[in-house]
Amino acid sequence: MRIGQGFDAHRMVEGRKLMLGGVEIPASETGGRGLEGHSDGDALLHAVADAVLGALGAGDLGRHFPSSDASLAGIASARIVERVEQMMTAAGYRIANLDATIIAQVPRLSPHQPKMVEALASLLDTSLERVNLKVTSTDHLGAIGREEGIAALATVLLEPVADPDSPGRIRP
């Protein structure tokens, strides 16, 4: 078993759509603001990808998806998670459990949680029961409380996948 943790935070800016957990939050709920970033700025997906990379001992997002790489400008964070999931599968692991938290004062995210859980499970090729997502605010404390940004935390536990060529053996 391997464990990893991830964190990400982005500033809220005018004129961008808000993507969180692979779900677009309607502009009517965000006041037309989204997360700044080289990609689509999805802080939750970035934290999840970093957690998986950490569990694999494979560095971090900056190593694999540097903001200096112009070809990645505007990339959907879902594509990043798909690539990280491919790395995880190639290494012989799968998600045993994902626990994540979004920290945001606005918008209200609880109505979007089920869709985010579905998106995470799909992107990571796992079942809904293996994905837990929480949302919280800072009760108006700090930059997030002033509605300047959104942060996310993720912890992932990876388990080895049985080697189909050798029943009972675990892939390295």
Foldseek 3Di string as FASTA:
>chain_A
DFKFKFKDKFFKDAQAFAAELNDTDDCVFVVRIYGDDQESRHQALQGVLQGLCVRVVNHHCCVVPNSVPNVRGHHHSLVVLLVSLVVQVVQQKAFQAKEKEKEAPDDDCVVVVVVSLVSVCVSRVHDSVRYHYYYYYPCLDDCRSVRGMMMMMMMTDMDGHADPVDPPHTRD
